[in-house]
């Protein structure tokens, strides 16, 4: 379930980037 964590991190990074 590492992909799940990766997706969450990506979503968080997207929010910070925005």
C-alpha atoms as a PDB file:
ATOM      1  CA  UNK A   1       0.000   0.000   0.000  1.00  0.00           C
ATOM      2  CA  UNK A   2       2.917   2.323  -0.635  1.00  0.00           C
ATOM      3  CA  UNK A   3       1.189   3.813  -3.668  1.00  0.00           C
ATOM      4  CA  UNK A   4      -1.545   5.049  -1.331  1.00  0.00           C
ATOM      5  CA  UNK A   5       0.960   6.996   0.748  1.00  0.00           C
ATOM      6  CA  UNK A   6       2.635   8.267  -2.398  1.00  0.00           C
ATOM      7  CA  UNK A   7      -0.664   9.571  -3.712  1.00  0.00           C
ATOM      8  CA  UNK A   8      -1.358  11.334  -0.429  1.00  0.00           C
ATOM      9  CA  UNK A   9       2.071  12.945  -0.447  1.00  0.00           C
ATOM     10  CA  UNK A  10       1.552  14.031  -4.036  1.00  0.00           C
ATOM     11  CA  UNK A  11      -1.795  15.566  -3.149  1.00  0.00           C
ATOM     12  CA  UNK A  12      -0.209  17.392  -0.220  1.00  0.00           C
ATOM     13  CA  UNK A  13       2.620  18.663  -2.401  1.00  0.00           C
ATOM     14  CA  UNK A  14       0.072  19.852  -4.982  1.00  0.00           C
ATOM     15  CA  UNK A  15      -1.753  21.832  -2.304  1.00  0.00           C
ATOM     16  CA  UNK A  16       1.486  23.423  -1.109  1.00  0.00           C
ATOM     17  CA  UNK A  17       2.550  24.168  -4.679  1.00  0.00           C
ATOM     18  CA  UNK A  18      -0.799  25.830  -5.287  1.00  0.00           C
END
